[in-house]
Amino acid sequence: MSGKSIFPASKEAYYGDVVTVDTAKSLWFESKMFGSGDEAVRELKCSDGVYAYQDGSGDLLKEVRLTANSTAYLKWLAGSYDGVYAAG
């Protein structure tokens, strides 16, 4: 799977524009419990917005006004803690 297939479509925007953030698609993976033989297919849902910080801290933003060159971060979370954590 390429990164392009999971992210929202790219859009052109300009300084001062207000951008509404589309939610990225869910990620699916097969989880294997080592030594137990148990397998499960799990879904990681993307948060509904973007973060300004790579660690997912701060406010979750659904709309942003472009005032400088910026990087926004997506975050995928499992429905409940199962020993797996993923952030984009």
PDB file of N, CA and C in Angstrom:
ATOM      1  N   MET A   1       0.848  -1.163   0.000  1.00  0.00           N
ATOM      2  CA  MET A   1       0.000   0.000   0.000  1.00  0.00           C
ATOM      3  C   MET A   1       0.900   1.234   0.000  1.00  0.00           C
ATOM      4  N   SER A   2       0.608   2.144  -0.864  1.00  0.00           N
ATOM      5  CA  SER A   2       1.402   3.369  -0.902  1.00  0.00           C
ATOM      6  C   SER A   2       0.809   4.399   0.060  1.00  0.00           C
ATOM      7  N   GLY A   3       1.637   5.325   0.503  1.00  0.00           N
ATOM      8  CA  GLY A   3       1.166   6.387   1.383  1.00  0.00           C
ATOM      9  C   GLY A   3       0.095   7.232   0.724  1.00  0.00           C
ATOM     10  N   LYS A   4       0.165   7.377  -0.596  1.00  0.00           N
ATOM     11  CA  LYS A   4      -0.828   8.181  -1.309  1.00  0.00           C
ATOM     12  C   LYS A   4      -2.230   7.610  -1.185  1.00  0.00           C
ATOM     13  N   SER A   5      -2.352   6.308  -1.014  1.00  0.00           N
ATOM     14  CA  SER A   5      -3.682   5.695  -0.982  1.00  0.00           C
ATOM     15  C   SER A   5      -4.389   5.866   0.360  1.00  0.00           C
ATOM     16  N   ILE A   6      -3.695   6.264   1.420  1.00  0.00           N
ATOM     17  CA  ILE A   6      -4.349   6.404   2.721  1.00  0.00           C
ATOM     18  C   ILE A   6      -4.595   7.845   3.138  1.00  0.00           C
ATOM     19  N   PHE A   7      -3.917   8.798   2.492  1.00  0.00           N
ATOM     20  CA  PHE A   7      -4.071  10.193   2.872  1.00  0.00           C
ATOM     21  C   PHE A   7      -5.177  10.857   2.054  1.00  0.00           C
ATOM     22  N   PRO A   8      -5.791  11.911   2.608  1.00  0.00           N
ATOM     23  CA  PRO A   8      -6.786  12.657   1.827  1.00  0.00           C
ATOM     24  C   PRO A   8      -6.142  13.216   0.552  1.00  0.00           C
ATOM     25  N   ALA A   9      -6.959  13.464  -0.456  1.00  0.00           N
ATOM     26  CA  ALA A   9      -6.454  14.011  -1.713  1.00  0.00           C
ATOM     27  C   ALA A   9      -5.791  15.366  -1.468  1.00  0.00           C
ATOM     28  N   SER A  10      -4.747  15.640  -2.219  1.00  0.00           N
ATOM     29  CA  SER A  10      -4.064  16.923  -2.047  1.00  0.00           C
ATOM     30  C   SER A  10      -4.906  18.049  -2.638  1.00  0.00           C
ATOM     31  N   LYS A  11      -4.726  19.240  -2.075  1.00  0.00           N
ATOM     32  CA  LYS A  11      -5.454  20.421  -2.521  1.00  0.00           C
ATOM     33  C   LYS A  11      -4.490  21.589  -2.571  1.00  0.00           C
ATOM     34  N   GLU A  12      -4.730  22.520  -3.467  1.00  0.00           N
ATOM     35  CA  GLU A  12      -3.914  23.714  -3.548  1.00  0.00           C
ATOM     36  C   GLU A  12      -4.548  24.802  -2.695  1.00  0.00           C
ATOM     37  N   ALA A  13      -3.739  25.445  -1.870  1.00  0.00           N
ATOM     38  CA  ALA A  13      -4.236  26.510  -1.003  1.00  0.00           C
ATOM     39  C   ALA A  13      -3.201  27.620  -0.971  1.00  0.00           C
ATOM     40  N   TYR A  14      -3.647  28.797  -0.574  1.00  0.00           N
ATOM     41  CA  TYR A  14      -2.784  29.973  -0.592  1.00  0.00           C
ATOM     42  C   TYR A  14      -2.779  30.657   0.765  1.00  0.00           C
ATOM     43  N   TYR A  15      -1.774  31.518   0.965  1.00  0.00           N
ATOM     44  CA  TYR A  15      -1.641  32.285   2.201  1.00  0.00           C
ATOM     45  C   TYR A  15      -2.964  32.978   2.530  1.00  0.00           C
ATOM     46  N   GLY A  16      -3.417  32.814   3.776  1.00  0.00           N
ATOM     47  CA  GLY A  16      -4.657  33.441   4.221  1.00  0.00           C
ATOM     48  C   GLY A  16      -5.897  32.581   4.048  1.00  0.00           C
ATOM     49  N   ASP A  17      -5.812  31.532   3.234  1.00  0.00           N
ATOM     50  CA  ASP A  17      -6.959  30.636   3.043  1.00  0.00           C
ATOM     51  C   ASP A  17      -7.267  29.881   4.325  1.00  0.00           C
ATOM     52  N   VAL A  18      -8.556  29.596   4.541  1.00  0.00           N
ATOM     53  CA  VAL A  18      -8.969  28.693   5.616  1.00  0.00           C
ATOM     54  C   VAL A  18      -9.158  27.325   4.981  1.00  0.00           C
ATOM     55  N   VAL A  19      -8.465  26.348   5.520  1.00  0.00           N
ATOM     56  CA  VAL A  19      -8.483  24.997   4.963  1.00  0.00           C
ATOM     57  C   VAL A  19      -9.243  24.081   5.911  1.00  0.00           C
ATOM     58  N   THR A  20     -10.218  23.347   5.385  1.00  0.00           N
ATOM     59  CA  THR A  20     -10.920  22.317   6.150  1.00  0.00           C
ATOM     60  C   THR A  20     -10.214  20.996   5.906  1.00  0.00           C
ATOM     61  N   VAL A  21      -9.900  20.296   6.965  1.00  0.00           N
ATOM     62  CA  VAL A  21      -9.114  19.065   6.881  1.00  0.00           C
ATOM     63  C   VAL A  21     -10.035  17.864   6.724  1.00  0.00           C
ATOM     64  N   ASP A  22      -9.787  17.059   5.682  1.00  0.00           N
ATOM     65  CA  ASP A  22     -10.510  15.810   5.483  1.00  0.00           C
ATOM     66  C   ASP A  22      -9.874  14.729   6.350  1.00  0.00           C
ATOM     67  N   THR A  23     -10.683  13.812   6.830  1.00  0.00           N
ATOM     68  CA  THR A  23     -10.170  12.709   7.635  1.00  0.00           C
ATOM     69  C   THR A  23      -9.532  11.662   6.727  1.00  0.00           C
ATOM     70  N   ALA A  24      -8.360  11.190   7.116  1.00  0.00           N
ATOM     71  CA  ALA A  24      -7.679  10.144   6.354  1.00  0.00           C
ATOM     72  C   ALA A  24      -8.396   8.806   6.568  1.00  0.00           C
ATOM     73  N   LYS A  25      -8.132   7.872   5.685  1.00  0.00           N
ATOM     74  CA  LYS A  25      -8.741   6.551   5.772  1.00  0.00           C
ATOM     75  C   LYS A  25      -8.176   5.766   6.956  1.00  0.00           C
ATOM     76  N   SER A  26      -8.942   4.766   7.380  1.00  0.00           N
ATOM     77  CA  SER A  26      -8.471   3.867   8.435  1.00  0.00           C
ATOM     78  C   SER A  26      -7.331   3.007   7.911  1.00  0.00           C
ATOM     79  N   LEU A  27      -6.479   2.586   8.818  1.00  0.00           N
ATOM     80  CA  LEU A  27      -5.431   1.618   8.494  1.00  0.00           C
ATOM     81  C   LEU A  27      -5.850   0.266   9.053  1.00  0.00           C
ATOM     82  N   TRP A  28      -5.654  -0.784   8.295  1.00  0.00           N
ATOM     83  CA  TRP A  28      -5.973  -2.144   8.736  1.00  0.00           C
ATOM     84  C   TRP A  28      -4.683  -2.948   8.757  1.00  0.00           C
ATOM     85  N   PHE A  29      -4.524  -3.769   9.765  1.00  0.00           N
ATOM     86  CA  PHE A  29      -3.350  -4.627   9.833  1.00  0.00           C
ATOM     87  C   PHE A  29      -3.703  -5.935  10.518  1.00  0.00           C
ATOM     88  N   GLU A  30      -2.889  -6.931  10.251  1.00  0.00           N
ATOM     89  CA  GLU A  30      -3.082  -8.240  10.878  1.00  0.00           C
ATOM     90  C   GLU A  30      -2.142  -8.332  12.067  1.00  0.00           C
ATOM     91  N   SER A  31      -2.708  -8.619  13.222  1.00  0.00           N
ATOM     92  CA  SER A  31      -1.944  -8.708  14.457  1.00  0.00           C
ATOM     93  C   SER A  31      -1.759 -10.181  14.814  1.00  0.00           C
ATOM     94  N   LYS A  32      -0.534 -10.560  15.077  1.00  0.00           N
ATOM     95  CA  LYS A  32      -0.239 -11.932  15.487  1.00  0.00           C
ATOM     96  C   LYS A  32       0.367 -11.909  16.873  1.00  0.00           C
ATOM     97  N   MET A  33      -0.224 -12.630  17.776  1.00  0.00           N
ATOM     98  CA  MET A  33       0.311 -12.736  19.136  1.00  0.00           C
ATOM     99  C   MET A  33       1.412 -13.791  19.120  1.00  0.00           C
ATOM    100  N   PHE A  34       2.617 -13.363  19.386  1.00  0.00           N
ATOM    101  CA  PHE A  34       3.762 -14.263  19.282  1.00  0.00           C
ATOM    102  C   PHE A  34       3.619 -15.451  20.231  1.00  0.00           C
ATOM    103  N   GLY A  35       3.769 -16.640  19.667  1.00  0.00           N
ATOM    104  CA  GLY A  35       3.748 -17.860  20.460  1.00  0.00           C
ATOM    105  C   GLY A  35       2.355 -18.387  20.770  1.00  0.00           C
ATOM    106  N   SER A  36       1.312 -17.570  20.579  1.00  0.00           N
ATOM    107  CA  SER A  36      -0.030 -18.030  20.950  1.00  0.00           C
ATOM    108  C   SER A  36      -0.797 -18.597  19.761  1.00  0.00           C
ATOM    109  N   GLY A  37      -0.386 -18.249  18.541  1.00  0.00           N
ATOM    110  CA  GLY A  37      -1.107 -18.691  17.358  1.00  0.00           C
ATOM    111  C   GLY A  37      -2.354 -17.861  17.080  1.00  0.00           C
ATOM    112  N   ASP A  38      -2.673 -16.901  17.959  1.00  0.00           N
ATOM    113  CA  ASP A  38      -3.857 -16.053  17.768  1.00  0.00           C
ATOM    114  C   ASP A  38      -3.558 -14.968  16.738  1.00  0.00           C
ATOM    115  N   GLU A  39      -4.532 -14.733  15.850  1.00  0.00           N
ATOM    116  CA  GLU A  39      -4.414 -13.679  14.860  1.00  0.00           C
ATOM    117  C   GLU A  39      -5.683 -12.850  14.882  1.00  0.00           C
ATOM    118  N   ALA A  40      -5.553 -11.581  14.613  1.00  0.00           N
ATOM    119  CA  ALA A  40      -6.717 -10.705  14.559  1.00  0.00           C
ATOM    120  C   ALA A  40      -6.460  -9.608  13.540  1.00  0.00           C
ATOM    121  N   VAL A  41      -7.506  -9.179  12.854  1.00  0.00           N
ATOM    122  CA  VAL A  41      -7.404  -8.030  11.965  1.00  0.00           C
ATOM    123  C   VAL A  41      -7.878  -6.828  12.761  1.00  0.00           C
ATOM    124  N   ARG A  42      -7.080  -5.795  12.797  1.00  0.00           N
ATOM    125  CA  ARG A  42      -7.379  -4.625  13.618  1.00  0.00           C
ATOM    126  C   ARG A  42      -7.456  -3.374  12.750  1.00  0.00           C
ATOM    127  N   GLU A  43      -8.244  -2.419  13.227  1.00  0.00           N
ATOM    128  CA  GLU A  43      -8.415  -1.152  12.534  1.00  0.00           C
ATOM    129  C   GLU A  43      -7.856  -0.016  13.389  1.00  0.00           C
ATOM    130  N   LEU A  44      -7.093   0.842  12.759  1.00  0.00           N
ATOM    131  CA  LEU A  44      -6.648   2.074  13.388  1.00  0.00           C
ATOM    132  C   LEU A  44      -7.383   3.207  12.688  1.00  0.00           C
ATOM    133  N   LYS A  45      -8.188   3.960  13.439  1.00  0.00           N
ATOM    134  CA  LYS A  45      -8.935   5.071  12.856  1.00  0.00           C
ATOM    135  C   LYS A  45      -8.128   6.353  12.993  1.00  0.00           C
ATOM    136  N   CYS A  46      -8.193   7.167  11.961  1.00  0.00           N
ATOM    137  CA  CYS A  46      -7.486   8.443  11.978  1.00  0.00           C
ATOM    138  C   CYS A  46      -8.301   9.455  12.763  1.00  0.00           C
ATOM    139  N   SER A  47      -7.616  10.266  13.544  1.00  0.00           N
ATOM    140  CA  SER A  47      -8.302  11.334  14.271  1.00  0.00           C
ATOM    141  C   SER A  47      -8.950  12.281  13.252  1.00  0.00           C
ATOM    142  N   ASP A  48     -10.013  12.924  13.657  1.00  0.00           N
ATOM    143  CA  ASP A  48     -10.800  13.773  12.772  1.00  0.00           C
ATOM    144  C   ASP A  48     -10.236  15.191  12.770  1.00  0.00           C
ATOM    145  N   GLY A  49      -9.077  15.358  12.162  1.00  0.00           N
ATOM    146  CA  GLY A  49      -8.401  16.641  12.124  1.00  0.00           C
ATOM    147  C   GLY A  49      -6.903  16.440  12.107  1.00  0.00           C
ATOM    148  N   VAL A  50      -6.171  17.517  12.345  1.00  0.00           N
ATOM    149  CA  VAL A  50      -4.709  17.449  12.345  1.00  0.00           C
ATOM    150  C   VAL A  50      -4.156  18.097  13.610  1.00  0.00           C
ATOM    151  N   TYR A  51      -2.903  17.759  13.900  1.00  0.00           N
ATOM    152  CA  TYR A  51      -2.190  18.331  15.040  1.00  0.00           C
ATOM    153  C   TYR A  51      -1.019  19.168  14.527  1.00  0.00           C
ATOM    154  N   ALA A  52      -0.638  20.156  15.294  1.00  0.00           N
ATOM    155  CA  ALA A  52       0.505  20.990  14.936  1.00  0.00           C
ATOM    156  C   ALA A  52       1.821  20.344  15.357  1.00  0.00           C
ATOM    157  N   TYR A  53       1.760  19.380  16.272  1.00  0.00           N
ATOM    158  CA  TYR A  53       2.971  18.755  16.803  1.00  0.00           C
ATOM    159  C   TYR A  53       3.003  17.276  16.452  1.00  0.00           C
ATOM    160  N   GLN A  54       4.186  16.783  16.122  1.00  0.00           N
ATOM    161  CA  GLN A  54       4.363  15.403  15.681  1.00  0.00           C
ATOM    162  C   GLN A  54       3.905  14.381  16.720  1.00  0.00           C
ATOM    163  N   ASP A  55       4.008  14.701  18.002  1.00  0.00           N
ATOM    164  CA  ASP A  55       3.612  13.737  19.036  1.00  0.00           C
ATOM    165  C   ASP A  55       2.099  13.725  19.278  1.00  0.00           C
ATOM    166  N   GLY A  56       1.338  14.502  18.517  1.00  0.00           N
ATOM    167  CA  GLY A  56      -0.121  14.510  18.668  1.00  0.00           C
ATOM    168  C   GLY A  56      -0.597  15.331  19.843  1.00  0.00           C
ATOM    169  N   SER A  57       0.266  16.161  20.380  1.00  0.00           N
ATOM    170  CA  SER A  57      -0.151  16.999  21.502  1.00  0.00           C
ATOM    171  C   SER A  57      -0.766  18.295  20.969  1.00  0.00           C
ATOM    172  N   GLY A  58      -1.400  19.020  21.841  1.00  0.00           N
ATOM    173  CA  GLY A  58      -2.035  20.273  21.442  1.00  0.00           C
ATOM    174  C   GLY A  58      -3.454  20.042  20.964  1.00  0.00           C
ATOM    175  N   ASP A  59      -4.026  21.074  20.386  1.00  0.00           N
ATOM    176  CA  ASP A  59      -5.417  21.009  19.935  1.00  0.00           C
ATOM    177  C   ASP A  59      -5.544  20.230  18.632  1.00  0.00           C
ATOM    178  N   LEU A  60      -6.631  19.467  18.526  1.00  0.00           N
ATOM    179  CA  LEU A  60      -6.992  18.794  17.285  1.00  0.00           C
ATOM    180  C   LEU A  60      -7.715  19.826  16.426  1.00  0.00           C
ATOM    181  N   LEU A  61      -7.193  20.111  15.251  1.00  0.00           N
ATOM    182  CA  LEU A  61      -7.722  21.170  14.405  1.00  0.00           C
ATOM    183  C   LEU A  61      -8.457  20.608  13.197  1.00  0.00           C
ATOM    184  N   LYS A  62      -9.677  21.053  12.984  1.00  0.00           N
ATOM    185  CA  LYS A  62     -10.462  20.641  11.817  1.00  0.00           C
ATOM    186  C   LYS A  62     -10.368  21.686  10.708  1.00  0.00           C
ATOM    187  N   GLU A  63     -10.171  22.942  11.104  1.00  0.00           N
ATOM    188  CA  GLU A  63      -9.966  24.024  10.145  1.00  0.00           C
ATOM    189  C   GLU A  63      -8.733  24.816  10.566  1.00  0.00           C
ATOM    190  N   VAL A  64      -7.949  25.219   9.579  1.00  0.00           N
ATOM    191  CA  VAL A  64      -6.759  26.020   9.859  1.00  0.00           C
ATOM    192  C   VAL A  64      -6.651  27.152   8.843  1.00  0.00           C
ATOM    193  N   ARG A  65      -6.160  28.296   9.289  1.00  0.00           N
ATOM    194  CA  ARG A  65      -5.879  29.421   8.385  1.00  0.00           C
ATOM    195  C   ARG A  65      -4.383  29.398   8.094  1.00  0.00           C
ATOM    196  N   LEU A  66      -4.028  29.429   6.825  1.00  0.00           N
ATOM    197  CA  LEU A  66      -2.629  29.376   6.420  1.00  0.00           C
ATOM    198  C   LEU A  66      -1.986  30.745   6.582  1.00  0.00           C
ATOM    199  N   THR A  67      -0.987  30.818   7.458  1.00  0.00           N
ATOM    200  CA  THR A  67      -0.289  32.080   7.696  1.00  0.00           C
ATOM    201  C   THR A  67       1.225  31.926   7.531  1.00  0.00           C
ATOM    202  N   ALA A  68       1.686  30.722   7.257  1.00  0.00           N
ATOM    203  CA  ALA A  68       3.113  30.458   7.064  1.00  0.00           C
ATOM    204  C   ALA A  68       3.256  29.050   6.486  1.00  0.00           C
ATOM    205  N   ASN A  69       4.451  28.728   6.023  1.00  0.00           N
ATOM    206  CA  ASN A  69       4.706  27.347   5.622  1.00  0.00           C
ATOM    207  C   ASN A  69       4.589  26.483   6.866  1.00  0.00           C
ATOM    208  N   SER A  70       3.815  25.424   6.793  1.00  0.00           N
ATOM    209  CA  SER A  70       3.529  24.618   7.980  1.00  0.00           C
ATOM    210  C   SER A  70       3.514  23.142   7.649  1.00  0.00           C
ATOM    211  N   THR A  71       3.651  22.355   8.678  1.00  0.00           N
ATOM    212  CA  THR A  71       3.477  20.907   8.583  1.00  0.00           C
ATOM    213  C   THR A  71       2.373  20.527   9.553  1.00  0.00           C
ATOM    214  N   ALA A  72       1.446  19.700   9.085  1.00  0.00           N
ATOM    215  CA  ALA A  72       0.367  19.206   9.944  1.00  0.00           C
ATOM    216  C   ALA A  72       0.532  17.700  10.080  1.00  0.00           C
ATOM    217  N   TYR A  73       0.124  17.161  11.244  1.00  0.00           N
ATOM    218  CA  TYR A  73       0.326  15.739  11.522  1.00  0.00           C
ATOM    219  C   TYR A  73      -1.005  15.035  11.730  1.00  0.00           C
ATOM    220  N   LEU A  74      -1.133  13.857  11.135  1.00  0.00           N
ATOM    221  CA  LEU A  74      -2.291  12.990  11.332  1.00  0.00           C
ATOM    222  C   LEU A  74      -1.950  11.980  12.418  1.00  0.00           C
ATOM    223  N   LYS A  75      -2.971  11.440  13.076  1.00  0.00           N
ATOM    224  CA  LYS A  75      -2.738  10.469  14.139  1.00  0.00           C
ATOM    225  C   LYS A  75      -3.767   9.344  14.021  1.00  0.00           C
ATOM    226  N   TRP A  76      -3.290   8.104  13.993  1.00  0.00           N
ATOM    227  CA  TRP A  76      -4.169   6.940  13.964  1.00  0.00           C
ATOM    228  C   TRP A  76      -4.147   6.280  15.333  1.00  0.00           C
ATOM    229  N   LEU A  77      -5.318   5.918  15.843  1.00  0.00           N
ATOM    230  CA  LEU A  77      -5.429   5.301  17.165  1.00  0.00           C
ATOM    231  C   LEU A  77      -6.254   4.031  17.105  1.00  0.00           C
ATOM    232  N   ALA A  78      -5.875   3.063  17.919  1.00  0.00           N
ATOM    233  CA  ALA A  78      -6.669   1.841  18.058  1.00  0.00           C
ATOM    234  C   ALA A  78      -7.880   2.146  18.933  1.00  0.00           C
ATOM    235  N   GLY A  79      -8.972   1.417  18.740  1.00  0.00           N
ATOM    236  CA  GLY A  79     -10.197   1.637  19.507  1.00  0.00           C
ATOM    237  C   GLY A  79      -9.997   1.463  21.004  1.00  0.00           C
ATOM    238  N   SER A  80      -9.162   0.554  21.385  1.00  0.00           N
ATOM    239  CA  SER A  80      -8.824   0.358  22.791  1.00  0.00           C
ATOM    240  C   SER A  80      -7.371  -0.099  22.845  1.00  0.00           C
ATOM    241  N   TYR A  81      -6.745   0.099  23.959  1.00  0.00           N
ATOM    242  CA  TYR A  81      -5.337  -0.259  24.057  1.00  0.00           C
ATOM    243  C   TYR A  81      -5.175  -1.765  23.984  1.00  0.00           C
ATOM    244  N   ASP A  82      -4.343  -2.201  23.043  1.00  0.00           N
ATOM    245  CA  ASP A  82      -4.063  -3.632  22.923  1.00  0.00           C
ATOM    246  C   ASP A  82      -2.570  -3.858  22.741  1.00  0.00           C
ATOM    247  N   GLY A  83      -1.789  -2.903  23.219  1.00  0.00           N
ATOM    248  CA  GLY A  83      -0.354  -3.021  23.091  1.00  0.00           C
ATOM    249  C   GLY A  83       0.188  -2.422  21.801  1.00  0.00           C
ATOM    250  N   VAL A  84      -0.691  -1.787  21.003  1.00  0.00           N
ATOM    251  CA  VAL A  84      -0.295  -1.209  19.736  1.00  0.00           C
ATOM    252  C   VAL A  84      -0.573   0.285  19.770  1.00  0.00           C
ATOM    253  N   TYR A  85       0.405   1.070  19.339  1.00  0.00           N
ATOM    254  CA  TYR A  85       0.214   2.517  19.235  1.00  0.00           C
ATOM    255  C   TYR A  85       0.779   2.950  17.904  1.00  0.00           C
ATOM    256  N   ALA A  86       0.057   3.751  17.176  1.00  0.00           N
ATOM    257  CA  ALA A  86       0.555   4.251  15.892  1.00  0.00           C
ATOM    258  C   ALA A  86       0.193   5.712  15.757  1.00  0.00           C
ATOM    259  N   ALA A  87       1.108   6.486  15.256  1.00  0.00           N
ATOM    260  CA  ALA A  87       0.838   7.907  14.994  1.00  0.00           C
ATOM    261  C   ALA A  87       1.471   8.262  13.655  1.00  0.00           C
ATOM    262  N   GLY A  88       0.802   9.132  12.925  1.00  0.00           N
ATOM    263  CA  GLY A  88       1.339   9.552  11.636  1.00  0.00           C
ATOM    264  C   GLY A  88       1.698  10.987  11.635  1.00  0.00           C
TER     265      GLY A  88
END
